[in-house]
Amino acid sequence: MSRRWGLPVRYVQNVTWSEACDPRPIRKSSGVGPAILTMKVEERVPARWHAIPAISAPAVGAAVGFDVTATYPVSVTQRTTIPDGRLRVVAAHPLYDVATFEVWYRSWLGAARPLGEGTAARPAGLCFVVYEY
């Protein structure tokens, strides 16, 4: 946290990390067996962030260690063998490293206090979901 000239400031504190797959796929492919289905995904996926109350993107980025307004490359190849007479659908979903944090406020008088919370998510790869019919 930086304070300039004693002015009130909002800042990020108590960052914790997890992983999550986006429920929206960025690519799907399907095939009927017998076959080998290969899906190569090379995409640029945007980072995502949200905080209530509002805090600047640079302040969040400094606290979590990445640019929350940037796009990041992900590149993965998935290969699956499809049994005879079966249909498989493969869906690629962005995988994110997710930072959950608290937004704090320090006025020029008084102690710091929590105001709210937020999340920031950096693309880290892909999750593949395989459906078989």
N, C-alpha and C. Protein backbone atom coordinates (compact mmCIF):
# COMPACT_ATOMS: atom_id res chain seq x y z
N MET A 1 0.84 -1.17 0.00
CA MET A 1 0.00 0.00 0.00
C MET A 1 0.89 1.23 0.00
N SER A 2 0.56 2.20 -0.84
CA SER A 2 1.30 3.45 -0.83
C SER A 2 0.35 4.58 -0.45
N ARG A 3 0.87 5.50 0.33
CA ARG A 3 0.09 6.68 0.71
C ARG A 3 0.85 7.90 0.25
N ARG A 4 0.15 8.81 -0.40
CA ARG A 4 0.79 10.03 -0.87
C ARG A 4 0.25 11.22 -0.10
N TRP A 5 1.12 11.90 0.57
CA TRP A 5 0.78 13.14 1.25
C TRP A 5 -0.39 12.96 2.22
N GLY A 6 -0.56 11.75 2.77
CA GLY A 6 -1.60 11.54 3.76
C GLY A 6 -3.01 11.50 3.19
N LEU A 7 -3.15 11.44 1.87
CA LEU A 7 -4.47 11.42 1.26
C LEU A 7 -5.15 10.08 1.47
N PRO A 8 -6.48 10.06 1.45
CA PRO A 8 -7.20 8.79 1.54
C PRO A 8 -6.83 7.88 0.36
N VAL A 9 -6.79 6.59 0.62
CA VAL A 9 -6.39 5.66 -0.42
C VAL A 9 -7.15 4.35 -0.28
N ARG A 10 -7.49 3.74 -1.42
CA ARG A 10 -8.02 2.38 -1.45
C ARG A 10 -6.89 1.47 -1.90
N TYR A 11 -6.84 0.27 -1.30
CA TYR A 11 -5.77 -0.66 -1.64
C TYR A 11 -6.25 -2.09 -1.47
N VAL A 12 -5.46 -3.03 -2.01
CA VAL A 12 -5.78 -4.46 -1.98
C VAL A 12 -4.98 -5.13 -0.88
N GLN A 13 -5.65 -6.05 -0.16
CA GLN A 13 -5.00 -6.77 0.93
C GLN A 13 -5.59 -8.18 1.02
N ASN A 14 -4.88 -9.09 1.67
CA ASN A 14 -5.35 -10.45 1.94
C ASN A 14 -5.70 -11.22 0.65
N VAL A 15 -4.72 -11.34 -0.22
CA VAL A 15 -4.91 -12.06 -1.49
C VAL A 15 -4.76 -13.56 -1.26
N THR A 16 -5.72 -14.34 -1.76
CA THR A 16 -5.64 -15.80 -1.75
C THR A 16 -5.82 -16.30 -3.18
N TRP A 17 -5.25 -17.49 -3.47
CA TRP A 17 -5.23 -18.01 -4.85
C TRP A 17 -5.97 -19.33 -4.98
N SER A 18 -6.58 -19.52 -6.14
CA SER A 18 -7.23 -20.79 -6.50
C SER A 18 -7.19 -20.92 -8.03
N GLU A 19 -7.78 -22.00 -8.54
CA GLU A 19 -7.91 -22.21 -9.99
C GLU A 19 -9.38 -22.39 -10.33
N ALA A 20 -9.73 -22.00 -11.54
CA ALA A 20 -11.12 -22.19 -11.99
C ALA A 20 -11.16 -22.28 -13.50
N CYS A 21 -12.07 -23.10 -14.00
CA CYS A 21 -12.33 -23.19 -15.44
C CYS A 21 -13.54 -22.34 -15.77
N ASP A 22 -13.43 -21.57 -16.84
CA ASP A 22 -14.55 -20.76 -17.31
C ASP A 22 -15.65 -21.70 -17.80
N PRO A 23 -16.91 -21.47 -17.44
CA PRO A 23 -17.98 -22.35 -17.91
C PRO A 23 -18.28 -22.20 -19.40
N ARG A 24 -17.78 -21.14 -20.03
CA ARG A 24 -18.02 -20.91 -21.46
C ARG A 24 -16.83 -21.43 -22.28
N PRO A 25 -17.08 -22.39 -23.18
CA PRO A 25 -15.97 -22.91 -23.99
C PRO A 25 -15.54 -21.89 -25.05
N ILE A 26 -14.25 -21.95 -25.41
CA ILE A 26 -13.76 -21.10 -26.49
C ILE A 26 -13.65 -21.87 -27.80
N ARG A 27 -13.72 -23.21 -27.72
CA ARG A 27 -13.69 -24.03 -28.92
C ARG A 27 -14.30 -25.38 -28.63
N LYS A 28 -14.99 -25.96 -29.64
CA LYS A 28 -15.55 -27.31 -29.55
C LYS A 28 -15.20 -28.06 -30.82
N SER A 29 -15.07 -29.38 -30.68
CA SER A 29 -14.85 -30.25 -31.83
C SER A 29 -15.51 -31.58 -31.51
N SER A 30 -15.89 -32.33 -32.57
CA SER A 30 -16.55 -33.61 -32.35
C SER A 30 -16.16 -34.60 -33.43
N GLY A 31 -16.42 -35.89 -33.15
CA GLY A 31 -16.13 -36.94 -34.12
C GLY A 31 -16.84 -38.23 -33.74
N VAL A 32 -16.97 -39.11 -34.74
CA VAL A 32 -17.60 -40.42 -34.55
C VAL A 32 -16.51 -41.47 -34.73
N GLY A 33 -16.53 -42.49 -33.85
CA GLY A 33 -15.50 -43.52 -33.87
C GLY A 33 -15.83 -44.68 -34.79
N PRO A 34 -14.83 -45.44 -35.12
CA PRO A 34 -13.50 -45.36 -34.51
C PRO A 34 -12.68 -44.22 -35.13
N ALA A 35 -12.04 -43.46 -34.27
CA ALA A 35 -11.22 -42.34 -34.74
C ALA A 35 -10.38 -41.81 -33.59
N ILE A 36 -9.42 -40.99 -33.94
CA ILE A 36 -8.64 -40.24 -32.96
C ILE A 36 -8.94 -38.77 -33.25
N LEU A 37 -9.44 -38.09 -32.25
CA LEU A 37 -9.80 -36.68 -32.37
C LEU A 37 -8.71 -35.86 -31.70
N THR A 38 -8.11 -34.96 -32.48
CA THR A 38 -7.06 -34.08 -31.96
C THR A 38 -7.54 -32.64 -32.09
N MET A 39 -7.46 -31.90 -30.99
CA MET A 39 -7.83 -30.50 -31.00
C MET A 39 -6.64 -29.68 -30.54
N LYS A 40 -6.18 -28.77 -31.39
CA LYS A 40 -5.10 -27.87 -31.03
C LYS A 40 -5.71 -26.48 -30.87
N VAL A 41 -5.49 -25.89 -29.70
CA VAL A 41 -6.06 -24.58 -29.40
C VAL A 41 -4.91 -23.61 -29.13
N GLU A 42 -4.86 -22.54 -29.90
CA GLU A 42 -3.91 -21.45 -29.68
C GLU A 42 -4.73 -20.17 -29.71
N GLU A 43 -4.92 -19.57 -28.55
CA GLU A 43 -5.77 -18.39 -28.43
C GLU A 43 -5.10 -17.36 -27.53
N ARG A 44 -5.56 -16.13 -27.65
CA ARG A 44 -5.22 -15.09 -26.68
C ARG A 44 -6.48 -14.84 -25.87
N VAL A 45 -6.36 -15.03 -24.56
CA VAL A 45 -7.51 -14.95 -23.67
C VAL A 45 -7.32 -13.76 -22.73
N PRO A 46 -8.35 -12.92 -22.58
CA PRO A 46 -8.19 -11.75 -21.70
C PRO A 46 -8.23 -12.13 -20.22
N ALA A 47 -7.45 -11.41 -19.45
CA ALA A 47 -7.57 -11.50 -17.99
C ALA A 47 -8.90 -10.86 -17.61
N ARG A 48 -9.38 -11.22 -16.43
CA ARG A 48 -10.65 -10.65 -15.96
C ARG A 48 -10.49 -10.19 -14.53
N TRP A 49 -11.23 -9.15 -14.17
CA TRP A 49 -11.20 -8.70 -12.79
C TRP A 49 -12.46 -7.92 -12.47
N HIS A 50 -12.78 -7.91 -11.19
CA HIS A 50 -13.98 -7.21 -10.72
C HIS A 50 -13.79 -6.93 -9.24
N ALA A 51 -14.20 -5.75 -8.81
CA ALA A 51 -14.11 -5.41 -7.39
C ALA A 51 -15.23 -4.45 -7.01
N ILE A 52 -15.78 -4.67 -5.83
CA ILE A 52 -16.78 -3.76 -5.26
C ILE A 52 -16.28 -3.41 -3.86
N PRO A 53 -16.03 -2.16 -3.57
CA PRO A 53 -16.23 -0.98 -4.41
C PRO A 53 -15.12 -0.85 -5.45
N ALA A 54 -15.27 0.12 -6.33
CA ALA A 54 -14.31 0.31 -7.42
C ALA A 54 -12.92 0.62 -6.88
N ILE A 55 -11.95 0.04 -7.57
CA ILE A 55 -10.53 0.30 -7.29
C ILE A 55 -9.84 0.25 -8.65
N SER A 56 -8.74 0.92 -8.82
CA SER A 56 -8.10 1.01 -10.13
C SER A 56 -7.45 -0.31 -10.55
N ALA A 57 -7.45 -0.55 -11.85
CA ALA A 57 -6.79 -1.75 -12.39
C ALA A 57 -5.31 -1.79 -12.04
N PRO A 58 -4.56 -0.67 -12.13
CA PRO A 58 -3.15 -0.73 -11.72
C PRO A 58 -2.96 -1.13 -10.26
N ALA A 59 -3.85 -0.69 -9.37
CA ALA A 59 -3.72 -1.06 -7.95
C ALA A 59 -3.95 -2.56 -7.77
N VAL A 60 -4.94 -3.11 -8.47
CA VAL A 60 -5.19 -4.54 -8.39
C VAL A 60 -4.03 -5.31 -8.99
N GLY A 61 -3.58 -4.89 -10.18
CA GLY A 61 -2.47 -5.57 -10.84
C GLY A 61 -1.20 -5.59 -10.00
N ALA A 62 -0.90 -4.48 -9.33
CA ALA A 62 0.29 -4.44 -8.47
C ALA A 62 0.17 -5.43 -7.32
N ALA A 63 -1.03 -5.59 -6.78
CA ALA A 63 -1.21 -6.49 -5.63
C ALA A 63 -1.18 -7.96 -6.03
N VAL A 64 -1.69 -8.29 -7.24
CA VAL A 64 -1.77 -9.70 -7.63
C VAL A 64 -0.60 -10.14 -8.53
N GLY A 65 0.17 -9.18 -9.04
CA GLY A 65 1.38 -9.52 -9.78
C GLY A 65 1.20 -9.75 -11.28
N PHE A 66 0.08 -9.31 -11.86
CA PHE A 66 -0.09 -9.39 -13.31
C PHE A 66 -1.01 -8.27 -13.78
N ASP A 67 -0.92 -7.94 -15.07
CA ASP A 67 -1.75 -6.90 -15.66
C ASP A 67 -3.16 -7.43 -15.85
N VAL A 68 -4.11 -6.90 -15.10
CA VAL A 68 -5.48 -7.41 -15.14
C VAL A 68 -6.25 -6.95 -16.38
N THR A 69 -5.63 -6.09 -17.21
CA THR A 69 -6.29 -5.62 -18.43
C THR A 69 -5.68 -6.24 -19.69
N ALA A 70 -4.70 -7.10 -19.54
CA ALA A 70 -3.98 -7.68 -20.69
C ALA A 70 -4.65 -8.96 -21.19
N THR A 71 -4.24 -9.39 -22.37
CA THR A 71 -4.60 -10.71 -22.87
C THR A 71 -3.35 -11.58 -22.83
N TYR A 72 -3.55 -12.89 -22.62
CA TYR A 72 -2.45 -13.82 -22.44
C TYR A 72 -2.61 -15.00 -23.40
N PRO A 73 -1.50 -15.49 -23.97
CA PRO A 73 -1.61 -16.63 -24.88
C PRO A 73 -1.79 -17.95 -24.12
N VAL A 74 -2.65 -18.80 -24.66
CA VAL A 74 -2.77 -20.18 -24.17
C VAL A 74 -2.66 -21.08 -25.40
N SER A 75 -1.94 -22.18 -25.24
CA SER A 75 -1.73 -23.11 -26.34
C SER A 75 -1.64 -24.52 -25.78
N VAL A 76 -2.60 -25.37 -26.18
CA VAL A 76 -2.65 -26.75 -25.69
C VAL A 76 -3.22 -27.62 -26.80
N THR A 77 -2.74 -28.86 -26.86
CA THR A 77 -3.29 -29.85 -27.77
C THR A 77 -3.91 -30.98 -26.95
N GLN A 78 -5.12 -31.36 -27.30
CA GLN A 78 -5.83 -32.45 -26.63
C GLN A 78 -6.10 -33.55 -27.65
N ARG A 79 -5.86 -34.79 -27.26
CA ARG A 79 -6.06 -35.94 -28.14
C ARG A 79 -6.91 -36.97 -27.41
N THR A 80 -7.95 -37.47 -28.07
CA THR A 80 -8.81 -38.49 -27.47
C THR A 80 -9.16 -39.55 -28.51
N THR A 81 -9.19 -40.79 -28.06
CA THR A 81 -9.57 -41.90 -28.93
C THR A 81 -11.06 -42.14 -28.80
N ILE A 82 -11.75 -42.20 -29.93
CA ILE A 82 -13.20 -42.39 -29.94
C ILE A 82 -13.49 -43.85 -30.26
N PRO A 83 -14.22 -44.56 -29.38
CA PRO A 83 -14.56 -45.96 -29.63
C PRO A 83 -15.52 -46.10 -30.83
N ASP A 84 -15.51 -47.28 -31.41
CA ASP A 84 -16.36 -47.58 -32.57
C ASP A 84 -17.83 -47.30 -32.27
N GLY A 85 -18.47 -46.54 -33.16
CA GLY A 85 -19.89 -46.26 -33.06
C GLY A 85 -20.27 -45.21 -32.03
N ARG A 86 -19.30 -44.56 -31.40
CA ARG A 86 -19.59 -43.55 -30.38
C ARG A 86 -19.31 -42.15 -30.94
N LEU A 87 -20.02 -41.18 -30.40
CA LEU A 87 -19.81 -39.78 -30.74
C LEU A 87 -19.17 -39.11 -29.53
N ARG A 88 -18.09 -38.37 -29.75
CA ARG A 88 -17.47 -37.59 -28.67
C ARG A 88 -17.41 -36.13 -29.08
N VAL A 89 -17.70 -35.28 -28.11
CA VAL A 89 -17.58 -33.84 -28.27
C VAL A 89 -16.55 -33.37 -27.25
N VAL A 90 -15.56 -32.63 -27.71
CA VAL A 90 -14.52 -32.09 -26.83
C VAL A 90 -14.69 -30.57 -26.80
N ALA A 91 -14.75 -30.02 -25.60
CA ALA A 91 -14.89 -28.58 -25.43
C ALA A 91 -13.69 -28.05 -24.65
N ALA A 92 -13.09 -26.96 -25.15
CA ALA A 92 -11.94 -26.32 -24.50
C ALA A 92 -12.42 -25.08 -23.76
N HIS A 93 -12.13 -25.03 -22.46
CA HIS A 93 -12.52 -23.91 -21.61
C HIS A 93 -11.26 -23.25 -21.06
N PRO A 94 -11.21 -21.91 -20.99
CA PRO A 94 -10.04 -21.27 -20.37
C PRO A 94 -9.90 -21.67 -18.90
N LEU A 95 -8.68 -21.95 -18.51
CA LEU A 95 -8.33 -22.21 -17.11
C LEU A 95 -7.68 -20.95 -16.56
N TYR A 96 -8.13 -20.51 -15.40
CA TYR A 96 -7.63 -19.29 -14.79
C TYR A 96 -6.99 -19.54 -13.44
N ASP A 97 -5.90 -18.82 -13.15
CA ASP A 97 -5.40 -18.65 -11.79
C ASP A 97 -6.18 -17.47 -11.23
N VAL A 98 -6.89 -17.69 -10.14
CA VAL A 98 -7.82 -16.69 -9.60
C VAL A 98 -7.32 -16.15 -8.26
N ALA A 99 -7.18 -14.85 -8.19
CA ALA A 99 -6.83 -14.16 -6.94
C ALA A 99 -8.11 -13.56 -6.36
N THR A 100 -8.40 -13.91 -5.12
CA THR A 100 -9.51 -13.29 -4.39
C THR A 100 -8.89 -12.35 -3.36
N PHE A 101 -9.44 -11.16 -3.24
CA PHE A 101 -8.80 -10.16 -2.38
C PHE A 101 -9.84 -9.29 -1.69
N GLU A 102 -9.36 -8.54 -0.69
CA GLU A 102 -10.18 -7.55 -0.01
C GLU A 102 -9.76 -6.15 -0.45
N VAL A 103 -10.71 -5.25 -0.58
CA VAL A 103 -10.45 -3.84 -0.86
C VAL A 103 -10.54 -3.10 0.47
N TRP A 104 -9.46 -2.40 0.80
CA TRP A 104 -9.39 -1.66 2.06
C TRP A 104 -9.31 -0.16 1.78
N TYR A 105 -9.65 0.62 2.81
CA TYR A 105 -9.63 2.08 2.71
C TYR A 105 -8.94 2.64 3.94
N ARG A 106 -8.04 3.59 3.70
CA ARG A 106 -7.40 4.30 4.80
C ARG A 106 -7.60 5.79 4.54
N SER A 107 -8.30 6.44 5.47
CA SER A 107 -8.51 7.88 5.35
C SER A 107 -7.32 8.62 5.96
N TRP A 108 -7.28 9.91 5.79
CA TRP A 108 -6.17 10.65 6.38
C TRP A 108 -6.31 10.74 7.88
N LEU A 109 -7.51 10.42 8.39
CA LEU A 109 -7.73 10.30 9.83
C LEU A 109 -8.25 8.90 10.12
N GLY A 110 -7.83 8.30 11.18
CA GLY A 110 -8.41 7.03 11.59
C GLY A 110 -7.68 5.82 11.03
N ALA A 111 -8.20 4.67 11.44
CA ALA A 111 -7.59 3.39 11.08
C ALA A 111 -8.12 2.90 9.74
N ALA A 112 -7.35 1.99 9.14
CA ALA A 112 -7.78 1.36 7.89
C ALA A 112 -8.98 0.46 8.17
N ARG A 113 -9.83 0.30 7.16
CA ARG A 113 -11.00 -0.57 7.32
C ARG A 113 -11.32 -1.24 6.00
N PRO A 114 -11.88 -2.44 6.05
CA PRO A 114 -12.25 -3.13 4.80
C PRO A 114 -13.49 -2.49 4.20
N LEU A 115 -13.51 -2.40 2.86
CA LEU A 115 -14.65 -1.83 2.14
C LEU A 115 -15.42 -2.88 1.35
N GLY A 116 -14.71 -3.89 0.85
CA GLY A 116 -15.36 -4.87 -0.02
C GLY A 116 -14.37 -5.92 -0.45
N GLU A 117 -14.67 -6.54 -1.57
CA GLU A 117 -13.80 -7.62 -2.07
C GLU A 117 -13.83 -7.66 -3.59
N GLY A 118 -12.95 -8.48 -4.14
CA GLY A 118 -12.88 -8.61 -5.58
C GLY A 118 -12.12 -9.85 -5.99
N THR A 119 -12.07 -10.06 -7.31
CA THR A 119 -11.32 -11.17 -7.89
C THR A 119 -10.58 -10.67 -9.12
N ALA A 120 -9.47 -11.31 -9.40
CA ALA A 120 -8.71 -11.09 -10.62
C ALA A 120 -8.30 -12.46 -11.15
N ALA A 121 -8.46 -12.68 -12.45
CA ALA A 121 -8.20 -14.00 -13.02
C ALA A 121 -7.25 -13.88 -14.21
N ARG A 122 -6.14 -14.63 -14.15
CA ARG A 122 -5.14 -14.65 -15.23
C ARG A 122 -5.23 -15.98 -15.97
N PRO A 123 -5.38 -15.96 -17.30
CA PRO A 123 -5.41 -17.22 -18.06
C PRO A 123 -4.13 -18.02 -17.84
N ALA A 124 -4.31 -19.31 -17.54
CA ALA A 124 -3.16 -20.17 -17.22
C ALA A 124 -3.09 -21.40 -18.11
N GLY A 125 -4.10 -21.63 -18.93
CA GLY A 125 -4.14 -22.82 -19.78
C GLY A 125 -5.57 -23.11 -20.19
N LEU A 126 -5.85 -24.39 -20.41
CA LEU A 126 -7.18 -24.81 -20.84
C LEU A 126 -7.64 -26.03 -20.05
N CYS A 127 -8.94 -26.10 -19.83
CA CYS A 127 -9.60 -27.30 -19.29
C CYS A 127 -10.33 -27.94 -20.47
N PHE A 128 -10.23 -29.24 -20.59
CA PHE A 128 -10.97 -29.94 -21.65
C PHE A 128 -12.05 -30.78 -21.02
N VAL A 129 -13.24 -30.69 -21.57
CA VAL A 129 -14.38 -31.49 -21.14
C VAL A 129 -14.76 -32.39 -22.32
N VAL A 130 -14.88 -33.70 -22.05
CA VAL A 130 -15.20 -34.65 -23.11
C VAL A 130 -16.58 -35.24 -22.82
N TYR A 131 -17.48 -35.11 -23.79
CA TYR A 131 -18.82 -35.68 -23.70
C TYR A 131 -18.88 -36.86 -24.66
N GLU A 132 -19.46 -37.98 -24.22
CA GLU A 132 -19.59 -39.15 -25.10
C GLU A 132 -21.04 -39.55 -25.19
N TYR A 133 -21.48 -39.82 -26.44
CA TYR A 133 -22.88 -40.20 -26.68
C TYR A 133 -22.92 -41.55 -27.38
